[in-house]
Protein backbone atom coordinates (compact mmCIF):
# COMPACT_ATOMS: atom_id res chain seq x y z
CA UNK A 1 240.53 197.87 234.70
CA UNK A 2 236.94 199.03 234.27
CA UNK A 3 235.93 201.60 236.87
CA UNK A 4 232.45 201.70 238.33
CA UNK A 5 231.13 205.16 239.11
CA UNK A 6 230.22 206.03 242.69
CA UNK A 7 227.06 207.89 243.55
CA UNK A 8 227.91 211.25 245.08
CA UNK A 9 226.05 211.48 248.36
CA UNK A 10 227.58 214.61 249.85
CA UNK A 11 225.64 217.79 249.15
CA UNK A 12 227.32 221.14 248.93
CA UNK A 13 225.50 222.19 252.07
CA UNK A 14 224.61 219.32 254.36
CA UNK A 15 222.10 219.48 257.18
CA UNK A 16 223.47 219.11 260.68
CA UNK A 17 223.50 215.57 262.03
CA UNK A 18 220.85 216.06 264.71
CA UNK A 19 218.74 218.55 262.78
CA UNK A 20 215.70 216.31 262.25
CA UNK A 21 215.63 214.90 265.79
CA UNK A 22 215.90 218.41 267.28
CA UNK A 23 213.33 219.76 264.86
CA UNK A 24 210.90 216.96 265.77
CA UNK A 25 211.38 217.70 269.48
CA UNK A 26 210.72 221.41 269.05
CA UNK A 27 207.64 220.74 266.92
CA UNK A 28 206.20 218.32 269.48
CA UNK A 29 207.04 220.67 272.35
CA UNK A 30 205.43 223.59 270.52
CA UNK A 31 202.30 221.54 269.79
CA UNK A 32 202.09 220.62 273.46
CA UNK A 33 202.35 224.27 274.53
CA UNK A 34 199.77 225.27 271.92
CA UNK A 35 197.42 222.53 273.13
CA UNK A 36 197.72 223.84 276.70
CA UNK A 37 197.06 227.40 275.54
CA UNK A 38 194.07 226.36 273.42
CA UNK A 39 192.67 224.43 276.38
CA UNK A 40 193.11 227.54 278.51
CA UNK A 41 191.30 229.68 275.93
CA UNK A 42 188.36 227.31 275.67
CA UNK A 43 188.20 227.01 279.46
CA UNK A 44 188.13 230.77 279.95
CA UNK A 45 185.58 231.15 277.17
CA UNK A 46 183.36 228.50 278.72
CA UNK A 47 183.56 230.05 282.18
CA UNK A 48 182.84 233.48 280.73
CA UNK A 49 179.68 232.28 279.08
CA UNK A 50 178.29 229.56 281.32
CA UNK A 51 174.81 228.69 280.04
CA UNK A 52 172.17 229.19 282.78
CA UNK A 53 170.25 226.20 281.46
CA UNK A 54 173.02 223.88 282.59
CA UNK A 55 172.30 224.64 286.26
CA UNK A 56 169.09 224.51 288.29
CA UNK A 57 167.24 227.75 288.71
CA UNK A 58 167.98 227.77 292.44
CA UNK A 59 171.74 227.23 291.97
CA UNK A 60 172.35 230.67 293.46
CA UNK A 61 170.01 230.13 296.41
CA UNK A 62 172.21 229.49 299.43
CA UNK A 63 169.41 227.57 301.11
CA UNK A 64 169.13 225.19 298.15
CA UNK A 65 170.87 221.84 297.95
CA UNK A 66 171.89 222.76 294.37
CA UNK A 67 173.71 225.92 295.45
CA UNK A 68 176.98 226.37 293.46
CA UNK A 69 179.23 229.13 294.76
CA UNK A 70 181.56 229.20 291.72
CA UNK A 71 178.65 229.33 289.29
CA UNK A 72 177.06 232.19 291.17
CA UNK A 73 180.36 234.08 291.30
CA UNK A 74 180.67 233.87 287.50
CA UNK A 75 177.03 234.78 286.92
CA UNK A 76 177.26 237.84 289.17
CA UNK A 77 180.60 239.03 287.77
CA UNK A 78 180.52 238.23 284.07
CA UNK A 79 178.42 241.24 283.13
CA UNK A 80 180.67 243.69 284.97
CA UNK A 81 183.16 245.87 283.02
CA UNK A 82 186.00 244.67 285.24
CA UNK A 83 185.33 241.03 284.41
CA UNK A 84 185.18 241.82 280.69
CA UNK A 85 188.46 243.71 280.90
CA UNK A 86 190.15 240.79 282.64
CA UNK A 87 188.73 238.33 280.13
CA UNK A 88 189.88 240.26 277.04
CA UNK A 89 193.26 240.96 278.64
CA UNK A 90 193.81 237.23 279.20
CA UNK A 91 192.60 236.46 275.69
CA UNK A 92 195.03 238.95 274.11
CA UNK A 93 197.82 237.70 276.37
CA UNK A 94 197.27 234.10 275.25
CA UNK A 95 197.19 235.08 271.57
CA UNK A 96 200.42 237.08 271.96
CA UNK A 97 202.02 234.12 273.76
CA UNK A 98 201.07 231.80 270.88
CA UNK A 99 202.51 234.16 268.27
CA UNK A 100 205.67 234.71 270.33
CA UNK A 101 206.12 230.95 270.73
CA UNK A 102 205.84 230.40 266.99
CA UNK A 103 208.14 233.31 266.08
CA UNK A 104 210.79 232.43 268.66
CA UNK A 105 210.82 228.79 267.57
CA UNK A 106 211.24 229.75 263.94
CA UNK A 107 214.07 232.18 264.79
CA UNK A 108 215.78 229.63 267.04
CA UNK A 109 215.57 226.78 264.54
CA UNK A 110 216.75 228.88 261.60
CA UNK A 111 219.60 230.42 263.60
CA UNK A 112 220.64 227.14 265.24
CA UNK A 113 220.63 224.95 262.17
CA UNK A 114 221.27 227.25 259.21
CA UNK A 115 223.03 230.52 259.98
CA UNK A 116 225.77 229.09 262.18
CA UNK A 117 226.63 226.56 259.50
CA UNK A 118 227.79 229.38 257.25
CA UNK A 119 230.97 229.50 259.36
CA UNK A 120 233.27 227.42 257.16
CA UNK A 121 236.62 225.75 257.62
CA UNK A 122 239.19 224.91 254.96
CA UNK A 123 241.48 221.90 254.81
CA UNK A 124 243.93 220.67 252.19
CA UNK A 125 245.44 217.28 251.49
CA UNK A 126 246.32 214.88 248.73
CA UNK A 127 245.78 211.46 247.30
CA UNK A 128 249.26 210.06 247.81
CA UNK A 129 250.24 207.35 245.35
CA UNK A 130 253.25 205.50 243.98
CA UNK A 131 253.78 203.19 241.02
CA UNK A 132 255.57 199.87 241.38
CA UNK A 133 255.74 197.24 238.62
CA UNK A 134 253.20 199.21 236.58
CA UNK A 135 250.70 199.04 239.41
CA UNK A 136 249.30 202.00 241.34
CA UNK A 137 249.33 201.98 245.13
CA UNK A 138 247.59 204.52 247.36
CA UNK A 139 248.55 205.55 250.89
CA UNK A 140 245.73 205.22 253.43
CA UNK A 141 245.75 206.60 256.96
CA UNK A 142 244.10 204.71 259.82
CA UNK A 143 243.26 207.55 262.18
CA UNK A 144 243.14 207.43 265.97
CA UNK A 145 239.39 208.10 265.85
CA UNK A 146 238.89 204.75 264.12
CA UNK A 147 238.24 205.73 260.51
CA UNK A 148 240.45 205.19 257.46
CA UNK A 149 240.90 208.16 255.15
CA UNK A 150 243.17 210.18 252.89
CA UNK A 151 245.77 212.66 254.11
CA UNK A 152 244.41 216.14 254.90
CA UNK A 153 244.52 218.88 257.52
CA UNK A 154 243.60 222.44 258.49
CA UNK A 155 245.12 225.44 256.78
CA UNK A 156 247.18 227.69 259.03
CA UNK A 157 247.27 231.47 258.78
CA UNK A 158 249.54 232.77 256.03
CA UNK A 159 249.85 229.44 254.20
CA UNK A 160 249.04 228.91 250.56
CA UNK A 161 246.87 225.97 249.58
CA UNK A 162 249.84 223.97 248.30
CA UNK A 163 251.92 224.73 251.39
CA UNK A 164 249.16 223.42 253.63
CA UNK A 165 248.91 220.16 251.68
CA UNK A 166 252.69 219.60 251.72
CA UNK A 167 252.97 220.41 255.44
CA UNK A 168 250.09 218.10 256.38
CA UNK A 169 251.57 215.27 254.32
CA UNK A 170 254.94 215.75 256.01
CA UNK A 171 253.40 215.84 259.50
CA UNK A 172 251.14 212.84 259.06
CA UNK A 173 253.32 210.61 256.89
CA UNK A 174 256.94 211.96 257.20
CA UNK A 175 257.10 211.91 253.40
CA UNK A 176 258.55 214.60 251.16
CA UNK A 177 256.33 214.67 248.10
CA UNK A 178 255.94 216.18 244.69
CA UNK A 179 252.53 217.84 244.46
CA UNK A 180 250.46 217.56 241.29
CA UNK A 181 248.14 220.58 241.19
CA UNK A 182 246.65 219.66 237.81
CA UNK A 183 244.27 217.53 239.86
CA UNK A 184 242.22 219.39 242.45
CA UNK A 185 238.88 218.29 243.84
CA UNK A 186 236.76 219.66 246.67
CA UNK A 187 234.39 217.90 249.05
CA UNK A 188 232.18 219.61 251.62
CA UNK A 189 230.79 218.07 254.77
CA UNK A 190 229.69 219.00 258.29
CA UNK A 191 231.98 217.49 260.95
CA UNK A 192 229.78 219.01 263.67
CA UNK A 193 226.62 221.06 264.01
CA UNK A 194 228.59 224.28 264.23
CA UNK A 195 230.90 223.92 261.23
CA UNK A 196 230.92 223.31 257.52
CA UNK A 197 234.23 222.17 256.08
CA UNK A 198 235.65 222.43 252.55
CA UNK A 199 238.45 219.93 251.88
CA UNK A 200 240.62 220.21 248.75
CA UNK A 201 242.66 217.27 247.49
CA UNK A 202 245.62 217.25 245.11
CA UNK A 203 247.72 214.35 243.87
CA UNK A 204 251.11 213.67 245.44
CA UNK A 205 253.93 211.19 244.89
CA UNK A 206 256.81 210.48 247.31
CA UNK A 207 260.18 211.87 246.20
CA UNK A 208 261.88 208.87 247.81
CA UNK A 209 259.69 205.75 247.62
CA UNK A 210 262.02 203.84 249.97
CA UNK A 211 260.98 206.00 252.94
CA UNK A 212 258.55 204.17 255.23
CA UNK A 213 255.58 206.46 255.97
CA UNK A 214 254.87 207.10 259.66
CA UNK A 215 253.38 209.80 261.86
CA UNK A 216 256.12 211.37 263.96
CA UNK A 217 254.28 214.65 264.54
CA UNK A 218 251.43 214.12 267.02
CA UNK A 219 250.50 210.43 266.72
CA UNK A 220 247.11 211.36 265.30
CA UNK A 221 247.57 208.56 262.78
CA UNK A 222 247.59 205.00 264.16
CA UNK A 223 248.97 203.34 261.04
CA UNK A 224 249.66 203.92 257.34
CA UNK A 225 249.31 201.39 254.55
CA UNK A 226 249.93 201.22 250.81
CA UNK A 227 246.96 199.61 249.02
CA UNK A 228 245.97 199.00 245.44
CA UNK A 229 242.85 200.70 244.13
CA UNK A 230 240.34 197.94 244.92
CA UNK A 231 241.67 197.38 248.42
CA UNK A 232 241.76 201.12 249.09
CA UNK A 233 238.16 201.55 247.95
CA UNK A 234 237.16 198.76 250.33
CA UNK A 235 239.05 200.09 253.36
CA UNK A 236 238.21 203.81 253.14
CA UNK A 237 235.46 204.64 255.60
CA UNK A 238 233.56 207.53 254.01
CA UNK A 239 231.88 207.69 250.59
CA UNK A 240 233.17 211.22 250.03
CA UNK A 241 236.79 209.99 250.32
CA UNK A 242 236.01 207.05 248.03
CA UNK A 243 234.66 209.47 245.47
CA UNK A 244 237.90 211.49 245.64
CA UNK A 245 240.00 208.35 245.22
CA UNK A 246 237.86 207.18 242.30
CA UNK A 247 238.33 210.48 240.45
CA UNK A 248 242.04 210.57 241.26
CA UNK A 249 242.45 207.03 239.91
CA UNK A 250 240.69 207.99 236.67
CA UNK A 251 242.95 211.04 236.35
CA UNK A 252 246.11 208.97 236.84
CA UNK A 253 245.01 206.29 234.36
CA UNK A 254 244.17 208.94 231.78
CA UNK A 255 247.63 210.50 232.11
CA UNK A 256 249.24 207.08 231.73
CA UNK A 257 247.30 206.38 228.56
CA UNK A 258 248.19 209.79 227.11
CA UNK A 259 251.91 209.27 227.84
CA UNK A 260 251.83 205.88 226.13
C-alpha cells in the first residue's frame, strides 16, 4: 500500500484558541480609550487658547446680546498662573494615562497569552494494533466528548513513561499489552488557554488478542473499535492523531519488510 504523507499542522507552541479574538478586542478597546483621551487633549487645548477673533468684541460685555459667560471666564483666567498649572497638570495626567494604558495592555496580553502557556502537562499512550490474516488493525477510542482518538492519558506522580502508557491502556481498554518503545513520537497542543500538553505515543500489541476491549475504569470511553489503516485515518478526529497513526503505520510496515 502506498502511503500519502500528511501535512503537519501542529506547531511546537500553539497560540491559545481565543488569542486573536481577545487581542482584537483589546486593540479596539485601547483605540477607543486613546480616541477619548486625544479628544480630551484637543478640547482642553482649544479652551486654553480660544482665539478672540472667533467672538465679537463685546462678548464680555454683560449688557451685550453677544455676551458669553464661559468665553469670558476662560479669557479672564487663562493668563493666570493657577490656570496654567491646572492645564499642564491635566496634560501630564492624560499623557501618563495613555502610557499606562499601553504598558498595562502589553503586560496583560503577554502574560495572559504567552507566559501562562509555559505551564506544561505530559501524557503518554500508544498506537494499539494487532495483525490478523497479514492485515494490520488499529484500536480507536470513541470518547465521551465526541471525538475519536488514540489511547492516552495523564502521567501520575512517581510513574515512568512506560508505566503511564501501560496503565492508561489497561484503564481505557482493559487490555494487557506488550509495549514497543522503539517507536516513540511526541505531539504538542493546547487543550485550553491555560495549558500546553506534550503527548508521547508508543506502539502496543495485545498479549491476548481474544480479549474484547472495553472501558471498565471510568466510562470515559463510549466505544472501542478495531479498524484497518484507511478506515482509522478516516475516523480519527484530529490531524495530530492522524499524523501519529501514519508514522506508526510506516514503522510497522518497515519492520515487516525487514523481517521478511
